Amino acid sequence: LYFSAQEGILLFYHVKGLRYEMKVCADIKQPISDLIFSPDYTVLLLVTDQGTVYSYKPAHGGEAVKLLDTCSSCFLAADFLTPGNRYCVSVTISGEVQVWFLEDGTCLSKLNLDIEV
C-alpha cells in the first residue's frame, strides 16, 4: 500500500496478516495530490498541487525524480497514456491539456480548452 502524507512524504506499508511494516520511499517536500501507477505497475507518478510531477520506480527503490514543473498553472490531474508508460497527459486548472514524454519531461503537445476546469 502506497500512501502520501501532507508534508510530501511517500510511504509504503507492507501488510501481512495483522502485521505491517512502514518504509519512507521519498520526501519531495510538497503536498502530494495524486498517486498514479503506470498500467504495468512499474512507475508511480506523484502529482503535487503546485504543478510538479515526480516519477518513482518501486522496484528500484531510489528517490523520486522530478519530471515536470509548471509554474504557469497548477495541475488538476495527470495520468499515463496507454499502451506503455512513456507518455503522460495532464490538465491544469486553467484548462490546458498537455502530453509529456516522461523520460526527459518534454512537452510534446498542448491544447487550451479556453475554460477553467
C-alpha atoms as a PDB file:
ATOM      1  CA  LEU A   1       0.000   0.000   0.000  1.00  0.00           C
ATOM      2  CA  TYR A   2       1.452   3.369  -1.038  1.00  0.00           C
ATOM      3  CA  PHE A   3       0.341   6.432   0.870  1.00  0.00           C
ATOM      4  CA  SER A   4       1.279  10.105   0.742  1.00  0.00           C
ATOM      5  CA  ALA A   5       1.362  12.452   3.692  1.00  0.00           C
ATOM      6  CA  GLN A   6       0.582  16.185   3.569  1.00  0.00           C
ATOM      7  CA  GLU A   7       4.253  17.010   4.051  1.00  0.00           C
ATOM      8  CA  GLY A   8       5.157  15.403   0.707  1.00  0.00           C
ATOM      9  CA  ILE A   9       6.354  12.074   2.028  1.00  0.00           C
ATOM     10  CA  LEU A  10       5.655   8.889   0.052  1.00  0.00           C
ATOM     11  CA  LEU A  11       5.174   5.926   2.400  1.00  0.00           C
ATOM     12  CA  PHE A  12       4.937   2.221   1.657  1.00  0.00           C
ATOM     13  CA  TYR A  13       3.073  -0.099   4.005  1.00  0.00           C
ATOM     14  CA  HIS A  14       3.801  -3.797   3.584  1.00  0.00           C
ATOM     15  CA  VAL A  15       0.812  -5.559   5.171  1.00  0.00           C
ATOM     16  CA  LYS A  16       0.975  -9.252   6.026  1.00  0.00           C
ATOM     17  CA  GLY A  17      -1.834 -10.656   8.137  1.00  0.00           C
ATOM     18  CA  LEU A  18      -2.210  -8.485  11.221  1.00  0.00           C
ATOM     19  CA  ARG A  19       1.315  -7.086  10.947  1.00  0.00           C
ATOM     20  CA  TYR A  20       2.642  -4.268   8.842  1.00  0.00           C
ATOM     21  CA  GLU A  21       5.958  -2.661   8.089  1.00  0.00           C
ATOM     22  CA  MET A  22       6.293   1.005   7.079  1.00  0.00           C
ATOM     23  CA  LYS A  23       9.017   2.419   4.839  1.00  0.00           C
ATOM     24  CA  VAL A  24       9.634   6.022   3.766  1.00  0.00           C
ATOM     25  CA  CYS A  25      10.189   5.896  -0.004  1.00  0.00           C
ATOM     26  CA  ALA A  26      10.614   9.561  -0.923  1.00  0.00           C
ATOM     27  CA  ASP A  27      10.337  13.051   0.503  1.00  0.00           C
ATOM     28  CA  ILE A  28       9.536  15.648  -2.152  1.00  0.00           C
ATOM     29  CA  LYS A  29       8.716  18.425   0.339  1.00  0.00           C
ATOM     30  CA  GLN A  30       5.495  19.408  -1.484  1.00  0.00           C
ATOM     31  CA  PRO A  31       1.981  18.181  -0.691  1.00  0.00           C
ATOM     32  CA  ILE A  32       1.132  15.253  -2.992  1.00  0.00           C
ATOM     33  CA  SER A  33      -2.342  15.486  -4.531  1.00  0.00           C
ATOM     34  CA  ASP A  34      -2.346  12.296  -6.673  1.00  0.00           C
ATOM     35  CA  LEU A  35      -0.574   8.951  -6.895  1.00  0.00           C
ATOM     36  CA  ILE A  36      -0.959   7.191 -10.269  1.00  0.00           C
ATOM     37  CA  PHE A  37       0.537   3.817 -11.204  1.00  0.00           C
ATOM     38  CA  SER A  38       1.506   3.057 -14.792  1.00  0.00           C
ATOM     39  CA  PRO A  39      -0.541   0.281 -16.444  1.00  0.00           C
ATOM     40  CA  ASP A  40       2.267  -2.242 -15.797  1.00  0.00           C
ATOM     41  CA  TYR A  41       2.804  -1.007 -12.196  1.00  0.00           C
ATOM     42  CA  THR A  42       6.499  -0.228 -12.752  1.00  0.00           C
ATOM     43  CA  VAL A  43       6.277   3.556 -12.362  1.00  0.00           C
ATOM     44  CA  LEU A  44       4.362   5.675  -9.867  1.00  0.00           C
ATOM     45  CA  LEU A  45       3.607   9.307 -10.706  1.00  0.00           C
ATOM     46  CA  LEU A  46       3.476  11.720  -7.766  1.00  0.00           C
ATOM     47  CA  VAL A  47       1.497  14.846  -8.682  1.00  0.00           C
ATOM     48  CA  THR A  48       1.637  17.932  -6.482  1.00  0.00           C
ATOM     49  CA  ASP A  49      -0.898  20.732  -6.374  1.00  0.00           C
ATOM     50  CA  GLN A  50       1.975  23.164  -7.011  1.00  0.00           C
ATOM     51  CA  GLY A  51       2.405  21.962 -10.604  1.00  0.00           C
ATOM     52  CA  THR A  52       5.175  19.396 -10.258  1.00  0.00           C
ATOM     53  CA  VAL A  53       5.163  15.734 -11.302  1.00  0.00           C
ATOM     54  CA  TYR A  54       7.665  13.212  -9.929  1.00  0.00           C
ATOM     55  CA  SER A  55       8.384   9.654 -11.023  1.00  0.00           C
ATOM     56  CA  TYR A  56       9.103   6.868  -8.541  1.00  0.00           C
ATOM     57  CA  LYS A  57      10.097   3.321  -9.533  1.00  0.00           C
ATOM     58  CA  PRO A  58       9.164   0.968  -6.662  1.00  0.00           C
ATOM     59  CA  ALA A  59      11.347  -1.911  -7.915  1.00  0.00           C
ATOM     60  CA  HIS A  60      14.450   0.302  -7.922  1.00  0.00           C
ATOM     61  CA  GLY A  61      13.744   1.857  -4.521  1.00  0.00           C
ATOM     62  CA  GLY A  62      15.600   5.084  -5.304  1.00  0.00           C
ATOM     63  CA  GLU A  63      14.489   8.661  -4.854  1.00  0.00           C
ATOM     64  CA  ALA A  64      11.610  10.253  -6.721  1.00  0.00           C
ATOM     65  CA  VAL A  65      12.769  12.063  -9.867  1.00  0.00           C
ATOM     66  CA  LYS A  66      11.261  15.413 -10.862  1.00  0.00           C
ATOM     67  CA  LEU A  67       9.811  15.077 -14.362  1.00  0.00           C
ATOM     68  CA  LEU A  68       7.668  18.138 -14.916  1.00  0.00           C
ATOM     69  CA  ASP A  69       7.465  21.528 -13.277  1.00  0.00           C
ATOM     70  CA  THR A  70       4.877  24.008 -14.462  1.00  0.00           C
ATOM     71  CA  CYS A  71       4.815  27.401 -12.877  1.00  0.00           C
ATOM     72  CA  SER A  72       2.089  28.865 -15.087  1.00  0.00           C
ATOM     73  CA  SER A  73      -0.822  26.855 -13.735  1.00  0.00           C
ATOM     74  CA  CYS A  74      -1.308  24.086 -11.216  1.00  0.00           C
ATOM     75  CA  PHE A  75      -2.035  20.537 -12.306  1.00  0.00           C
ATOM     76  CA  LEU A  76      -5.513  19.287 -11.627  1.00  0.00           C
ATOM     77  CA  ALA A  77      -4.795  15.731 -12.772  1.00  0.00           C
ATOM     78  CA  ALA A  78      -2.305  13.600 -14.674  1.00  0.00           C
ATOM     79  CA  ASP A  79      -2.322  10.045 -15.967  1.00  0.00           C
ATOM     80  CA  PHE A  80      -0.375   7.706 -18.229  1.00  0.00           C
ATOM     81  CA  LEU A  81      -1.229   7.381 -21.910  1.00  0.00           C
ATOM     82  CA  THR A  82      -1.515   3.718 -22.768  1.00  0.00           C
ATOM     83  CA  PRO A  83      -0.179   1.412 -24.046  1.00  0.00           C
ATOM     84  CA  GLY A  84       3.089   1.598 -22.158  1.00  0.00           C
ATOM     85  CA  ASN A  85       4.355   4.128 -19.668  1.00  0.00           C
ATOM     86  CA  ARG A  86       6.413   6.541 -21.785  1.00  0.00           C
ATOM     87  CA  TYR A  87       3.831   9.326 -22.065  1.00  0.00           C
ATOM     88  CA  CYS A  88       1.553  11.151 -19.688  1.00  0.00           C
ATOM     89  CA  VAL A  89      -1.322  13.573 -20.144  1.00  0.00           C
ATOM     90  CA  SER A  90      -2.091  16.360 -17.711  1.00  0.00           C
ATOM     91  CA  VAL A  91      -4.726  19.014 -17.307  1.00  0.00           C
ATOM     92  CA  THR A  92      -4.297  22.271 -15.439  1.00  0.00           C
ATOM     93  CA  ILE A  93      -6.869  24.276 -13.540  1.00  0.00           C
ATOM     94  CA  SER A  94      -6.731  26.917 -16.295  1.00  0.00           C
ATOM     95  CA  GLY A  95      -7.850  24.308 -18.869  1.00  0.00           C
ATOM     96  CA  GLU A  96      -4.591  23.444 -20.600  1.00  0.00           C
ATOM     97  CA  VAL A  97      -4.239  19.777 -21.640  1.00  0.00           C
ATOM     98  CA  GLN A  98      -0.636  18.660 -22.197  1.00  0.00           C
ATOM     99  CA  VAL A  99       1.070  15.471 -23.397  1.00  0.00           C
ATOM    100  CA  TRP A 100       4.520  14.794 -21.910  1.00  0.00           C
ATOM    101  CA  PHE A 101       7.383  12.451 -22.756  1.00  0.00           C
ATOM    102  CA  LEU A 102       8.272  11.049 -19.346  1.00  0.00           C
ATOM    103  CA  GLU A 103      11.906  10.147 -19.987  1.00  0.00           C
ATOM    104  CA  ASP A 104      13.027  13.772 -20.145  1.00  0.00           C
ATOM    105  CA  GLY A 105       9.917  15.827 -19.300  1.00  0.00           C
ATOM    106  CA  THR A 106       9.479  17.233 -22.810  1.00  0.00           C
ATOM    107  CA  CYS A 107       6.065  18.720 -23.526  1.00  0.00           C
ATOM    108  CA  LEU A 108       5.052  17.155 -26.855  1.00  0.00           C
ATOM    109  CA  SER A 109       1.681  18.781 -27.351  1.00  0.00           C
ATOM    110  CA  LYS A 110      -0.764  21.084 -25.642  1.00  0.00           C
ATOM    111  CA  LEU A 111      -4.327  22.169 -26.147  1.00  0.00           C
ATOM    112  CA  ASN A 112      -6.019  25.043 -24.394  1.00  0.00           C
ATOM    113  CA  LEU A 113      -9.688  24.330 -23.693  1.00  0.00           C
ATOM    114  CA  ASP A 114     -10.350  28.048 -23.117  1.00  0.00           C
ATOM    115  CA  ILE A 115     -12.302  27.234 -19.968  1.00  0.00           C
ATOM    116  CA  GLU A 116     -11.386  26.748 -16.327  1.00  0.00           C
ATOM    117  CA  VAL A 117     -11.523  23.068 -15.408  1.00  0.00           C
END
